[in-house]
Amino acid sequence: MSDPFSLTIIVPVWMEAGDIVETLEALQPLRLAGHEVIVVDAGSTDGSAGLAAPLADRVIQSGKGRAVQMNAGASVAKGDVLLFLHADTRLPADALACLNGFFHSNKAWGRFDVRLSGRGVMLRVIAWFMNWRSRLTGICTGDQAFFVRKTVFETLKGFEELPVMEDVEFSRRLCRISRPFCLRALVTTDSRRWEQRGVWRTIFLMWRLRWRYWRGESPESLVHSYRSDVRNGSD
């Protein structure tokens, strides 16, 4: 029998009252198996922290920004493996078995394949390209529920506290240690932002921002462009 490992799931939250209960309820079998769930709230005013409290091992407060929140959660985590999960994303039923395979591999980190929750064919195409691109480049996004050995996370001093692209930046540093352990098991992430903003518009926005990042533009400039685009799209 393989040696057991301990897992900590870190869920950064801000104004997630509509999703957080369902997300955490899905994690209860993992808690019952002895694994840890930490919710990191960034000052939500919609009751997110209170809703999360009965369903998590710890609910802590931090400053805003996913990188800040994920670092705060990792700083108090007890698990051998840290898994970062968005509040609108669901793990597959066999997540623990998948992660056991990772733990007993020689890889430092990894991620799941992703599917978008909507039924449109285009959403399936987008998810396929996201997973294919990740395998090709070794770059992971937060929607893919990436995971890392705690010792590696600490060696790299966690996420750079950027307003955007923190997942891309961290993936680049992790790739210097090992290629990712790419799981074909699917996490399911909410497709609302794609559907509300428009699928093609969202694709072009994300690729444009990523291209500008690769060319060396600052994350602060990118987040300003992102917010302007979102505001203009909601007019």
C-alpha atoms as a PDB file:
ATOM      1  CA  MET A   1       0.000   0.000   0.000  1.00  0.00           C
ATOM      2  CA  SER A   2       1.265   3.502  -0.818  1.00  0.00           C
ATOM      3  CA  ASP A   3       2.207   5.777   2.030  1.00  0.00           C
ATOM      4  CA  PRO A   4      -0.666   8.137   2.855  1.00  0.00           C
ATOM      5  CA  PHE A   5      -0.379  11.855   2.278  1.00  0.00           C
ATOM      6  CA  SER A   6      -2.225  14.844   3.683  1.00  0.00           C
ATOM      7  CA  LEU A   7      -3.966  17.403   1.520  1.00  0.00           C
ATOM      8  CA  THR A   8      -4.906  21.005   2.195  1.00  0.00           C
ATOM      9  CA  ILE A   9      -7.444  22.638  -0.121  1.00  0.00           C
ATOM     10  CA  ILE A  10      -7.225  26.434  -0.092  1.00  0.00           C
ATOM     11  CA  VAL A  11     -10.258  28.356  -1.360  1.00  0.00           C
ATOM     12  CA  PRO A  12      -9.808  32.130  -1.877  1.00  0.00           C
ATOM     13  CA  VAL A  13     -13.141  33.904  -1.483  1.00  0.00           C
ATOM     14  CA  TRP A  14     -14.493  37.375  -2.100  1.00  0.00           C
ATOM     15  CA  MET A  15     -18.258  37.964  -2.324  1.00  0.00           C
ATOM     16  CA  GLU A  16     -18.990  34.301  -3.109  1.00  0.00           C
ATOM     17  CA  ALA A  17     -22.164  33.751  -1.071  1.00  0.00           C
ATOM     18  CA  GLY A  18     -23.905  32.286  -4.113  1.00  0.00           C
ATOM     19  CA  ASP A  19     -21.345  29.527  -4.691  1.00  0.00           C
ATOM     20  CA  ILE A  20     -19.379  28.872  -1.522  1.00  0.00           C
ATOM     21  CA  VAL A  21     -21.788  26.502   0.221  1.00  0.00           C
ATOM     22  CA  GLU A  22     -22.116  24.186  -2.777  1.00  0.00           C
ATOM     23  CA  THR A  23     -18.352  24.224  -3.319  1.00  0.00           C
ATOM     24  CA  LEU A  24     -17.578  23.368   0.300  1.00  0.00           C
ATOM     25  CA  GLU A  25     -20.313  20.751   0.601  1.00  0.00           C
ATOM     26  CA  ALA A  26     -18.655  18.888  -2.251  1.00  0.00           C
ATOM     27  CA  LEU A  27     -15.415  18.838  -0.233  1.00  0.00           C
ATOM     28  CA  GLN A  28     -16.886  17.268   2.902  1.00  0.00           C
ATOM     29  CA  PRO A  29     -15.922  13.671   1.947  1.00  0.00           C
ATOM     30  CA  LEU A  30     -12.305  14.834   1.814  1.00  0.00           C
ATOM     31  CA  ARG A  31     -12.608  16.422   5.240  1.00  0.00           C
ATOM     32  CA  LEU A  32     -14.122  13.219   6.607  1.00  0.00           C
ATOM     33  CA  ALA A  33     -11.097  11.363   5.220  1.00  0.00           C
ATOM     34  CA  GLY A  34      -8.844  13.599   7.338  1.00  0.00           C
ATOM     35  CA  HIS A  35      -7.871  16.253   4.825  1.00  0.00           C
ATOM     36  CA  GLU A  36      -8.003  19.997   5.439  1.00  0.00           C
ATOM     37  CA  VAL A  37     -10.078  22.792   3.886  1.00  0.00           C
ATOM     38  CA  ILE A  38      -9.060  26.414   4.463  1.00  0.00           C
ATOM     39  CA  VAL A  39     -11.174  29.316   3.230  1.00  0.00           C
ATOM     40  CA  VAL A  40      -9.446  32.684   2.872  1.00  0.00           C
ATOM     41  CA  ASP A  41     -11.883  35.584   2.778  1.00  0.00           C
ATOM     42  CA  ALA A  42     -10.848  39.048   1.604  1.00  0.00           C
ATOM     43  CA  GLY A  43     -13.380  41.072   3.554  1.00  0.00           C
ATOM     44  CA  SER A  44     -16.593  39.954   1.868  1.00  0.00           C
ATOM     45  CA  THR A  45     -19.702  41.866   2.939  1.00  0.00           C
ATOM     46  CA  ASP A  46     -22.198  39.282   1.638  1.00  0.00           C
ATOM     47  CA  GLY A  47     -21.776  36.761   4.451  1.00  0.00           C
ATOM     48  CA  SER A  48     -19.378  34.457   2.581  1.00  0.00           C
ATOM     49  CA  ALA A  49     -17.186  33.859   5.633  1.00  0.00           C
ATOM     50  CA  GLY A  50     -20.129  32.979   7.863  1.00  0.00           C
ATOM     51  CA  LEU A  51     -21.525  30.557   5.299  1.00  0.00           C
ATOM     52  CA  ALA A  52     -18.130  28.899   4.959  1.00  0.00           C
ATOM     53  CA  ALA A  53     -17.371  28.516   8.670  1.00  0.00           C
ATOM     54  CA  PRO A  54     -19.350  25.297   9.375  1.00  0.00           C
ATOM     55  CA  LEU A  55     -17.965  23.643   6.252  1.00  0.00           C
ATOM     56  CA  ALA A  56     -14.241  24.410   6.584  1.00  0.00           C
ATOM     57  CA  ASP A  57     -11.497  23.580   9.043  1.00  0.00           C
ATOM     58  CA  ARG A  58     -10.433  27.214   9.113  1.00  0.00           C
ATOM     59  CA  VAL A  59     -11.756  30.502   7.761  1.00  0.00           C
ATOM     60  CA  ILE A  60      -9.160  33.249   7.840  1.00  0.00           C
ATOM     61  CA  GLN A  61      -9.110  36.851   6.664  1.00  0.00           C
ATOM     62  CA  SER A  62      -6.540  38.445   4.381  1.00  0.00           C
ATOM     63  CA  GLY A  63      -6.064  41.371   2.049  1.00  0.00           C
ATOM     64  CA  LYS A  64      -7.703  41.335  -1.377  1.00  0.00           C
ATOM     65  CA  GLY A  65      -6.236  39.532  -4.358  1.00  0.00           C
ATOM     66  CA  ARG A  66      -6.045  35.820  -5.069  1.00  0.00           C
ATOM     67  CA  ALA A  67      -2.248  35.700  -4.715  1.00  0.00           C
ATOM     68  CA  VAL A  68      -2.430  37.380  -1.305  1.00  0.00           C
ATOM     69  CA  GLN A  69      -5.233  35.078  -0.205  1.00  0.00           C
ATOM     70  CA  MET A  70      -3.612  31.881  -1.434  1.00  0.00           C
ATOM     71  CA  ASN A  71      -0.327  32.763   0.264  1.00  0.00           C
ATOM     72  CA  ALA A  72      -2.207  33.447   3.494  1.00  0.00           C
ATOM     73  CA  GLY A  73      -3.933  30.072   3.320  1.00  0.00           C
ATOM     74  CA  ALA A  74      -0.696  28.258   2.545  1.00  0.00           C
ATOM     75  CA  SER A  75       1.021  29.882   5.525  1.00  0.00           C
ATOM     76  CA  VAL A  76      -1.271  28.035   7.958  1.00  0.00           C
ATOM     77  CA  ALA A  77      -1.771  24.834   5.940  1.00  0.00           C
ATOM     78  CA  LYS A  78      -0.808  21.477   7.424  1.00  0.00           C
ATOM     79  CA  GLY A  79      -0.978  19.291   4.320  1.00  0.00           C
ATOM     80  CA  ASP A  80       1.862  17.731   2.347  1.00  0.00           C
ATOM     81  CA  VAL A  81       0.101  18.870  -0.842  1.00  0.00           C
ATOM     82  CA  LEU A  82      -1.585  22.246  -1.334  1.00  0.00           C
ATOM     83  CA  LEU A  83      -4.474  22.475  -3.800  1.00  0.00           C
ATOM     84  CA  PHE A  84      -5.831  25.890  -4.792  1.00  0.00           C
ATOM     85  CA  LEU A  85      -9.510  25.834  -5.702  1.00  0.00           C
ATOM     86  CA  HIS A  86     -11.652  28.681  -7.022  1.00  0.00           C
ATOM     87  CA  ALA A  87     -14.980  29.117  -5.259  1.00  0.00           C
ATOM     88  CA  ASP A  88     -16.901  28.362  -8.479  1.00  0.00           C
ATOM     89  CA  THR A  89     -14.972  25.179  -9.312  1.00  0.00           C
ATOM     90  CA  ARG A  90     -15.778  21.559  -8.412  1.00  0.00           C
ATOM     91  CA  LEU A  91     -13.277  18.737  -8.063  1.00  0.00           C
ATOM     92  CA  PRO A  92     -13.952  15.349  -9.683  1.00  0.00           C
ATOM     93  CA  ALA A  93     -15.214  12.523  -7.485  1.00  0.00           C
ATOM     94  CA  ASP A  94     -11.903  10.651  -7.811  1.00  0.00           C
ATOM     95  CA  ALA A  95      -9.725  13.665  -6.978  1.00  0.00           C
ATOM     96  CA  LEU A  96      -8.042  11.997  -4.010  1.00  0.00           C
ATOM     97  CA  ALA A  97      -7.010   8.929  -5.993  1.00  0.00           C
ATOM     98  CA  CYS A  98      -5.657  11.201  -8.723  1.00  0.00           C
ATOM     99  CA  LEU A  99      -3.657  13.226  -6.225  1.00  0.00           C
ATOM    100  CA  ASN A 100      -2.286  10.062  -4.662  1.00  0.00           C
ATOM    101  CA  GLY A 101      -0.763   9.263  -8.045  1.00  0.00           C
ATOM    102  CA  PHE A 102       0.812  12.712  -8.109  1.00  0.00           C
ATOM    103  CA  PHE A 103       2.147  12.433  -4.559  1.00  0.00           C
ATOM    104  CA  HIS A 104       3.990   9.223  -5.389  1.00  0.00           C
ATOM    105  CA  SER A 105       5.416  10.625  -8.620  1.00  0.00           C
ATOM    106  CA  ASN A 106       8.607  12.621  -9.106  1.00  0.00           C
ATOM    107  CA  LYS A 107       6.709  15.775 -10.096  1.00  0.00           C
ATOM    108  CA  ALA A 108       6.698  18.948  -8.015  1.00  0.00           C
ATOM    109  CA  TRP A 109       3.280  20.196  -9.029  1.00  0.00           C
ATOM    110  CA  GLY A 110       0.360  19.669 -11.354  1.00  0.00           C
ATOM    111  CA  ARG A 111      -3.183  20.480 -12.379  1.00  0.00           C
ATOM    112  CA  PHE A 112      -6.443  18.913 -13.564  1.00  0.00           C
ATOM    113  CA  ASP A 113      -8.009  19.203 -16.970  1.00  0.00           C
ATOM    114  CA  VAL A 114     -10.924  21.638 -16.932  1.00  0.00           C
ATOM    115  CA  ARG A 115     -14.427  21.690 -18.362  1.00  0.00           C
ATOM    116  CA  LEU A 116     -16.780  24.675 -18.460  1.00  0.00           C
ATOM    117  CA  SER A 117     -20.201  24.113 -16.944  1.00  0.00           C
ATOM    118  CA  GLY A 118     -22.340  25.399 -19.820  1.00  0.00           C
ATOM    119  CA  ARG A 119     -23.725  23.187 -22.575  1.00  0.00           C
ATOM    120  CA  GLY A 120     -22.589  25.132 -25.634  1.00  0.00           C
ATOM    121  CA  VAL A 121     -20.279  23.387 -28.092  1.00  0.00           C
ATOM    122  CA  MET A 122     -17.987  26.398 -28.108  1.00  0.00           C
ATOM    123  CA  LEU A 123     -17.419  26.021 -24.363  1.00  0.00           C
ATOM    124  CA  ARG A 124     -16.204  22.460 -24.949  1.00  0.00           C
ATOM    125  CA  VAL A 125     -13.844  23.723 -27.632  1.00  0.00           C
ATOM    126  CA  ILE A 126     -12.470  26.407 -25.316  1.00  0.00           C
ATOM    127  CA  ALA A 127     -11.830  23.876 -22.550  1.00  0.00           C
ATOM    128  CA  TRP A 128     -10.082  21.539 -24.999  1.00  0.00           C
ATOM    129  CA  PHE A 129      -7.758  24.323 -26.102  1.00  0.00           C
ATOM    130  CA  MET A 130      -7.072  25.355 -22.499  1.00  0.00           C
ATOM    131  CA  ASN A 131      -6.033  21.806 -21.605  1.00  0.00           C
ATOM    132  CA  TRP A 132      -4.036  21.286 -24.806  1.00  0.00           C
ATOM    133  CA  ARG A 133      -2.197  24.599 -24.387  1.00  0.00           C
ATOM    134  CA  SER A 134      -1.385  23.759 -20.770  1.00  0.00           C
ATOM    135  CA  ARG A 135       0.114  20.401 -21.723  1.00  0.00           C
ATOM    136  CA  LEU A 136       2.149  22.011 -24.474  1.00  0.00           C
ATOM    137  CA  THR A 137       3.486  24.992 -22.511  1.00  0.00           C
ATOM    138  CA  GLY A 138       3.436  23.717 -18.926  1.00  0.00           C
ATOM    139  CA  ILE A 139       1.492  26.824 -17.914  1.00  0.00           C
ATOM    140  CA  CYS A 140      -1.488  26.349 -15.613  1.00  0.00           C
ATOM    141  CA  THR A 141      -4.369  28.681 -14.810  1.00  0.00           C
ATOM    142  CA  GLY A 142      -6.294  28.878 -11.563  1.00  0.00           C
ATOM    143  CA  ASP A 143      -9.392  27.351 -13.177  1.00  0.00           C
ATOM    144  CA  GLN A 144      -7.470  24.078 -13.455  1.00  0.00           C
ATOM    145  CA  ALA A 145      -7.213  23.651  -9.662  1.00  0.00           C
ATOM    146  CA  PHE A 146      -3.480  23.366  -9.529  1.00  0.00           C
ATOM    147  CA  PHE A 147      -1.631  21.614  -6.739  1.00  0.00           C
ATOM    148  CA  VAL A 148       1.928  21.690  -5.438  1.00  0.00           C
ATOM    149  CA  ARG A 149       4.019  20.008  -2.783  1.00  0.00           C
ATOM    150  CA  LYS A 150       4.143  22.246   0.259  1.00  0.00           C
ATOM    151  CA  THR A 151       7.938  22.016   0.478  1.00  0.00           C
ATOM    152  CA  VAL A 152       8.214  23.262  -3.108  1.00  0.00           C
ATOM    153  CA  PHE A 153       5.729  26.069  -2.470  1.00  0.00           C
ATOM    154  CA  GLU A 154       7.780  27.219   0.520  1.00  0.00           C
ATOM    155  CA  THR A 155      11.063  26.987  -1.389  1.00  0.00           C
ATOM    156  CA  LEU A 156       9.650  29.256  -4.099  1.00  0.00           C
ATOM    157  CA  LYS A 157       8.154  31.577  -1.459  1.00  0.00           C
ATOM    158  CA  GLY A 158       4.679  31.160  -2.868  1.00  0.00           C
ATOM    159  CA  PHE A 159       2.871  33.362  -5.326  1.00  0.00           C
ATOM    160  CA  GLU A 160       4.199  36.713  -6.368  1.00  0.00           C
ATOM    161  CA  GLU A 161       1.468  39.031  -5.137  1.00  0.00           C
ATOM    162  CA  LEU A 162       0.361  40.352  -8.514  1.00  0.00           C
ATOM    163  CA  PRO A 163      -3.133  41.719  -9.274  1.00  0.00           C
ATOM    164  CA  VAL A 164      -3.429  39.366 -12.297  1.00  0.00           C
ATOM    165  CA  MET A 165      -1.354  36.586 -13.906  1.00  0.00           C
ATOM    166  CA  GLU A 166      -0.179  35.243 -10.549  1.00  0.00           C
ATOM    167  CA  ASP A 167      -0.963  31.704 -11.728  1.00  0.00           C
ATOM    168  CA  VAL A 168       0.974  32.118 -14.968  1.00  0.00           C
ATOM    169  CA  GLU A 169       3.968  33.628 -13.174  1.00  0.00           C
ATOM    170  CA  PHE A 170       3.999  30.848 -10.571  1.00  0.00           C
ATOM    171  CA  SER A 171       3.710  28.176 -13.282  1.00  0.00           C
ATOM    172  CA  ARG A 172       6.771  29.597 -15.009  1.00  0.00           C
ATOM    173  CA  ARG A 173       8.818  29.264 -11.834  1.00  0.00           C
ATOM    174  CA  LEU A 174       7.467  25.792 -11.099  1.00  0.00           C
ATOM    175  CA  CYS A 175       8.415  24.616 -14.596  1.00  0.00           C
ATOM    176  CA  ARG A 176      12.066  25.238 -13.701  1.00  0.00           C
ATOM    177  CA  ILE A 177      11.692  22.448 -11.133  1.00  0.00           C
ATOM    178  CA  SER A 178       9.553  20.001 -13.103  1.00  0.00           C
ATOM    179  CA  ARG A 179       6.953  19.758 -15.814  1.00  0.00           C
ATOM    180  CA  PRO A 180       3.422  19.627 -14.380  1.00  0.00           C
ATOM    181  CA  PHE A 181       1.654  16.389 -13.492  1.00  0.00           C
ATOM    182  CA  CYS A 182      -1.290  16.782 -15.879  1.00  0.00           C
ATOM    183  CA  LEU A 183      -4.426  14.928 -14.777  1.00  0.00           C
ATOM    184  CA  ARG A 184      -7.080  14.131 -17.357  1.00  0.00           C
ATOM    185  CA  ALA A 185      -9.715  14.002 -14.616  1.00  0.00           C
ATOM    186  CA  LEU A 186     -11.957  17.035 -15.045  1.00  0.00           C
ATOM    187  CA  VAL A 187     -12.630  19.879 -12.674  1.00  0.00           C
ATOM    188  CA  THR A 188     -15.779  21.791 -13.586  1.00  0.00           C
ATOM    189  CA  THR A 189     -15.675  25.571 -13.455  1.00  0.00           C
ATOM    190  CA  ASP A 190     -18.611  27.935 -13.859  1.00  0.00           C
ATOM    191  CA  SER A 191     -18.983  29.260 -17.402  1.00  0.00           C
ATOM    192  CA  ARG A 192     -20.991  32.354 -16.424  1.00  0.00           C
ATOM    193  CA  ARG A 193     -18.235  34.859 -17.107  1.00  0.00           C
ATOM    194  CA  TRP A 194     -17.786  33.445 -20.600  1.00  0.00           C
ATOM    195  CA  GLU A 195     -21.508  33.526 -21.300  1.00  0.00           C
ATOM    196  CA  GLN A 196     -22.167  36.954 -19.773  1.00  0.00           C
ATOM    197  CA  ARG A 197     -19.274  38.720 -21.503  1.00  0.00           C
ATOM    198  CA  GLY A 198     -19.579  36.753 -24.734  1.00  0.00           C
ATOM    199  CA  VAL A 199     -17.441  33.746 -25.608  1.00  0.00           C
ATOM    200  CA  TRP A 200     -15.417  35.289 -28.432  1.00  0.00           C
ATOM    201  CA  ARG A 201     -14.999  38.580 -26.629  1.00  0.00           C
ATOM    202  CA  THR A 202     -13.663  36.793 -23.538  1.00  0.00           C
ATOM    203  CA  ILE A 203     -11.275  34.666 -25.607  1.00  0.00           C
ATOM    204  CA  PHE A 204      -9.807  37.726 -27.310  1.00  0.00           C
ATOM    205  CA  LEU A 205      -9.535  39.586 -24.006  1.00  0.00           C
ATOM    206  CA  MET A 206      -7.664  36.745 -22.281  1.00  0.00           C
ATOM    207  CA  TRP A 207      -5.277  36.156 -25.158  1.00  0.00           C
ATOM    208  CA  ARG A 208      -4.638  39.865 -25.558  1.00  0.00           C
ATOM    209  CA  LEU A 209      -3.794  40.258 -21.869  1.00  0.00           C
ATOM    210  CA  ARG A 210      -1.577  37.179 -21.904  1.00  0.00           C
ATOM    211  CA  TRP A 211       0.255  38.369 -24.990  1.00  0.00           C
ATOM    212  CA  ARG A 212       0.915  41.743 -23.374  1.00  0.00           C
ATOM    213  CA  TYR A 213       2.141  39.985 -20.223  1.00  0.00           C
ATOM    214  CA  TRP A 214       4.575  37.822 -22.184  1.00  0.00           C
ATOM    215  CA  ARG A 215       5.895  40.976 -23.837  1.00  0.00           C
ATOM    216  CA  GLY A 216       6.737  42.358 -20.414  1.00  0.00           C
ATOM    217  CA  GLU A 217       3.838  44.690 -19.636  1.00  0.00           C
ATOM    218  CA  SER A 218       3.218  45.139 -15.918  1.00  0.00           C
ATOM    219  CA  PRO A 219       0.362  43.271 -14.208  1.00  0.00           C
ATOM    220  CA  GLU A 220      -0.844  46.599 -12.817  1.00  0.00           C
ATOM    221  CA  SER A 221      -1.358  47.907 -16.341  1.00  0.00           C
ATOM    222  CA  LEU A 222      -3.042  44.678 -17.382  1.00  0.00           C
ATOM    223  CA  VAL A 223      -5.526  44.695 -14.517  1.00  0.00           C
ATOM    224  CA  HIS A 224      -6.477  48.280 -15.401  1.00  0.00           C
ATOM    225  CA  SER A 225      -7.172  47.164 -18.987  1.00  0.00           C
ATOM    226  CA  TYR A 226      -9.086  44.125 -17.787  1.00  0.00           C
ATOM    227  CA  ARG A 227     -11.337  46.156 -15.513  1.00  0.00           C
ATOM    228  CA  SER A 228     -11.943  48.751 -18.232  1.00  0.00           C
ATOM    229  CA  ASP A 229     -12.898  46.037 -20.692  1.00  0.00           C
ATOM    230  CA  VAL A 230     -15.291  44.396 -18.231  1.00  0.00           C
ATOM    231  CA  ARG A 231     -16.946  47.751 -17.426  1.00  0.00           C
ATOM    232  CA  ASN A 232     -17.335  48.617 -21.100  1.00  0.00           C
ATOM    233  CA  GLY A 233     -18.768  45.189 -21.823  1.00  0.00           C
ATOM    234  CA  SER A 234     -21.451  45.583 -19.174  1.00  0.00           C
ATOM    235  CA  ASP A 235     -22.721  48.910 -20.482  1.00  0.00           C
END
